[in-house]
Amino acid sequence: MPAPDDWATAFGDATVAAAMLDRPLHRAAVAGIDGPSYRLRGHQSQAETIRAGVNARVS
């Protein structure tokens, strides 16, 4: 999820962005999670394989 500052840029108005975020976050608990993405692990593995192949050809 983008940072609240990014929402203001996306909607062109900080007041509108704040109002839109206020509704779903009113009673929500927001947790920031750092680390590798579980959903992207397959894509990242494939990208590393391709990157290794390209680097082997270049070297």
N, C-alpha and C. Protein backbone atom coordinates (compact mmCIF):
# COMPACT_ATOMS: atom_id res chain seq x y z
N MET A 1 0.85 -1.18 0.00
CA MET A 1 0.00 0.00 0.00
C MET A 1 0.89 1.23 0.00
N PRO A 2 0.61 2.17 -0.84
CA PRO A 2 1.43 3.38 -0.89
C PRO A 2 1.35 4.17 0.41
N ALA A 3 2.38 4.94 0.64
CA ALA A 3 2.41 5.82 1.82
C ALA A 3 1.35 6.91 1.67
N PRO A 4 0.84 7.44 2.78
CA PRO A 4 -0.18 8.50 2.71
C PRO A 4 0.26 9.70 1.88
N ASP A 5 1.57 10.02 1.90
CA ASP A 5 2.05 11.14 1.10
C ASP A 5 1.87 10.87 -0.39
N ASP A 6 2.03 9.61 -0.79
CA ASP A 6 1.85 9.24 -2.20
C ASP A 6 0.39 9.34 -2.62
N TRP A 7 -0.53 9.11 -1.69
CA TRP A 7 -1.96 9.20 -2.02
C TRP A 7 -2.31 10.64 -2.38
N ALA A 8 -1.75 11.60 -1.65
CA ALA A 8 -2.04 13.01 -1.93
C ALA A 8 -1.57 13.37 -3.33
N THR A 9 -0.43 12.85 -3.74
CA THR A 9 0.08 13.11 -5.08
C THR A 9 -0.81 12.44 -6.12
N ALA A 10 -1.24 11.21 -5.84
CA ALA A 10 -2.06 10.46 -6.80
C ALA A 10 -3.42 11.12 -7.03
N PHE A 11 -4.01 11.67 -5.97
CA PHE A 11 -5.33 12.28 -6.11
C PHE A 11 -5.27 13.79 -6.37
N GLY A 12 -4.07 14.35 -6.28
CA GLY A 12 -3.90 15.76 -6.58
C GLY A 12 -4.37 16.71 -5.49
N ASP A 13 -4.84 16.17 -4.38
CA ASP A 13 -5.34 17.01 -3.29
C ASP A 13 -5.16 16.27 -1.98
N ALA A 14 -4.41 16.85 -1.06
CA ALA A 14 -4.14 16.21 0.22
C ALA A 14 -5.41 16.05 1.06
N THR A 15 -6.34 16.99 0.96
CA THR A 15 -7.58 16.91 1.73
C THR A 15 -8.43 15.74 1.28
N VAL A 16 -8.55 15.55 -0.03
CA VAL A 16 -9.32 14.43 -0.57
C VAL A 16 -8.68 13.11 -0.18
N ALA A 17 -7.36 13.04 -0.30
CA ALA A 17 -6.65 11.81 0.06
C ALA A 17 -6.82 11.49 1.55
N ALA A 18 -6.72 12.49 2.39
CA ALA A 18 -6.89 12.28 3.83
C ALA A 18 -8.30 11.80 4.15
N ALA A 19 -9.31 12.37 3.50
CA ALA A 19 -10.69 11.95 3.73
C ALA A 19 -10.91 10.51 3.28
N MET A 20 -10.33 10.15 2.14
CA MET A 20 -10.49 8.78 1.63
C MET A 20 -9.80 7.77 2.54
N LEU A 21 -8.64 8.11 3.07
CA LEU A 21 -7.93 7.19 3.96
C LEU A 21 -8.55 7.14 5.35
N ASP A 22 -9.17 8.23 5.76
CA ASP A 22 -9.77 8.29 7.08
C ASP A 22 -10.91 7.28 7.24
N ARG A 23 -11.68 7.07 6.20
CA ARG A 23 -12.84 6.18 6.30
C ARG A 23 -12.44 4.74 6.62
N PRO A 24 -11.59 4.09 5.84
CA PRO A 24 -11.25 2.69 6.17
C PRO A 24 -10.29 2.55 7.35
N LEU A 25 -9.51 3.58 7.66
CA LEU A 25 -8.52 3.48 8.73
C LEU A 25 -9.04 3.94 10.08
N HIS A 26 -10.30 4.37 10.14
CA HIS A 26 -10.86 4.92 11.37
C HIS A 26 -10.68 3.98 12.56
N ARG A 27 -11.02 2.73 12.38
CA ARG A 27 -10.90 1.76 13.48
C ARG A 27 -9.92 0.63 13.15
N ALA A 28 -9.07 0.86 12.18
CA ALA A 28 -8.14 -0.18 11.74
C ALA A 28 -6.83 -0.11 12.51
N ALA A 29 -6.18 -1.24 12.55
CA ALA A 29 -4.81 -1.30 13.06
C ALA A 29 -3.91 -1.47 11.85
N VAL A 30 -2.99 -0.55 11.66
CA VAL A 30 -2.10 -0.58 10.50
C VAL A 30 -0.74 -1.10 10.96
N ALA A 31 -0.27 -2.12 10.27
CA ALA A 31 1.04 -2.70 10.59
C ALA A 31 1.93 -2.62 9.37
N GLY A 32 3.08 -2.01 9.54
CA GLY A 32 4.06 -1.96 8.46
C GLY A 32 4.92 -3.22 8.51
N ILE A 33 5.10 -3.85 7.40
CA ILE A 33 5.86 -5.09 7.35
C ILE A 33 7.06 -4.89 6.43
N ASP A 34 8.24 -5.12 6.97
CA ASP A 34 9.47 -5.04 6.18
C ASP A 34 9.99 -6.46 5.97
N GLY A 35 10.56 -6.68 4.82
CA GLY A 35 11.14 -7.99 4.54
C GLY A 35 10.72 -8.47 3.16
N PRO A 36 11.16 -9.66 2.81
CA PRO A 36 10.83 -10.19 1.49
C PRO A 36 9.35 -10.52 1.36
N SER A 37 8.83 -10.35 0.17
CA SER A 37 7.42 -10.60 -0.09
C SER A 37 7.17 -12.08 -0.35
N TYR A 38 6.21 -12.65 0.37
CA TYR A 38 5.83 -14.04 0.16
C TYR A 38 5.20 -14.23 -1.21
N ARG A 39 4.38 -13.27 -1.64
CA ARG A 39 3.69 -13.37 -2.92
C ARG A 39 4.64 -13.27 -4.11
N LEU A 40 5.73 -12.52 -3.96
CA LEU A 40 6.64 -12.30 -5.07
C LEU A 40 7.83 -13.26 -5.10
N ARG A 41 7.87 -14.24 -4.20
CA ARG A 41 9.06 -15.10 -4.11
C ARG A 41 9.32 -15.88 -5.40
N GLY A 42 8.26 -16.34 -6.07
CA GLY A 42 8.43 -17.07 -7.33
C GLY A 42 8.97 -16.16 -8.42
N HIS A 43 8.45 -14.96 -8.50
CA HIS A 43 8.90 -13.99 -9.50
C HIS A 43 10.35 -13.59 -9.23
N GLN A 44 10.68 -13.37 -7.97
CA GLN A 44 12.04 -12.97 -7.62
C GLN A 44 13.03 -14.08 -7.93
N SER A 45 12.64 -15.33 -7.70
CA SER A 45 13.50 -16.46 -8.01
C SER A 45 13.74 -16.55 -9.51
N GLN A 46 12.70 -16.39 -10.29
CA GLN A 46 12.82 -16.42 -11.75
C GLN A 46 13.69 -15.27 -12.25
N ALA A 47 13.53 -14.09 -11.68
CA ALA A 47 14.32 -12.94 -12.08
C ALA A 47 15.80 -13.15 -11.77
N GLU A 48 16.09 -13.76 -10.64
CA GLU A 48 17.48 -14.04 -10.29
C GLU A 48 18.10 -15.04 -11.26
N THR A 49 17.34 -16.04 -11.68
CA THR A 49 17.82 -17.03 -12.65
C THR A 49 18.12 -16.35 -13.98
N ILE A 50 17.23 -15.51 -14.44
CA ILE A 50 17.44 -14.79 -15.71
C ILE A 50 18.63 -13.86 -15.59
N ARG A 51 18.73 -13.14 -14.48
CA ARG A 51 19.84 -12.21 -14.27
C ARG A 51 21.17 -12.95 -14.28
N ALA A 52 21.23 -14.13 -13.65
CA ALA A 52 22.46 -14.92 -13.63
C ALA A 52 22.84 -15.36 -15.04
N GLY A 53 21.85 -15.74 -15.83
CA GLY A 53 22.11 -16.14 -17.22
C GLY A 53 22.62 -14.99 -18.06
N VAL A 54 22.04 -13.84 -17.90
CA VAL A 54 22.47 -12.66 -18.66
C VAL A 54 23.88 -12.25 -18.25
N ASN A 55 24.16 -12.26 -16.96
CA ASN A 55 25.48 -11.89 -16.47
C ASN A 55 26.54 -12.89 -16.94
N ALA A 56 26.18 -14.16 -17.06
CA ALA A 56 27.12 -15.17 -17.53
C ALA A 56 27.49 -14.93 -18.98
N ARG A 57 26.53 -14.49 -19.78
CA ARG A 57 26.79 -14.22 -21.19
C ARG A 57 27.63 -12.97 -21.39
N VAL A 58 27.43 -11.99 -20.54
CA VAL A 58 28.14 -10.71 -20.66
C VAL A 58 29.61 -10.88 -20.23
N SER A 59 29.83 -11.68 -19.22
CA SER A 59 31.21 -11.84 -18.68
C SER A 59 32.08 -12.66 -19.57
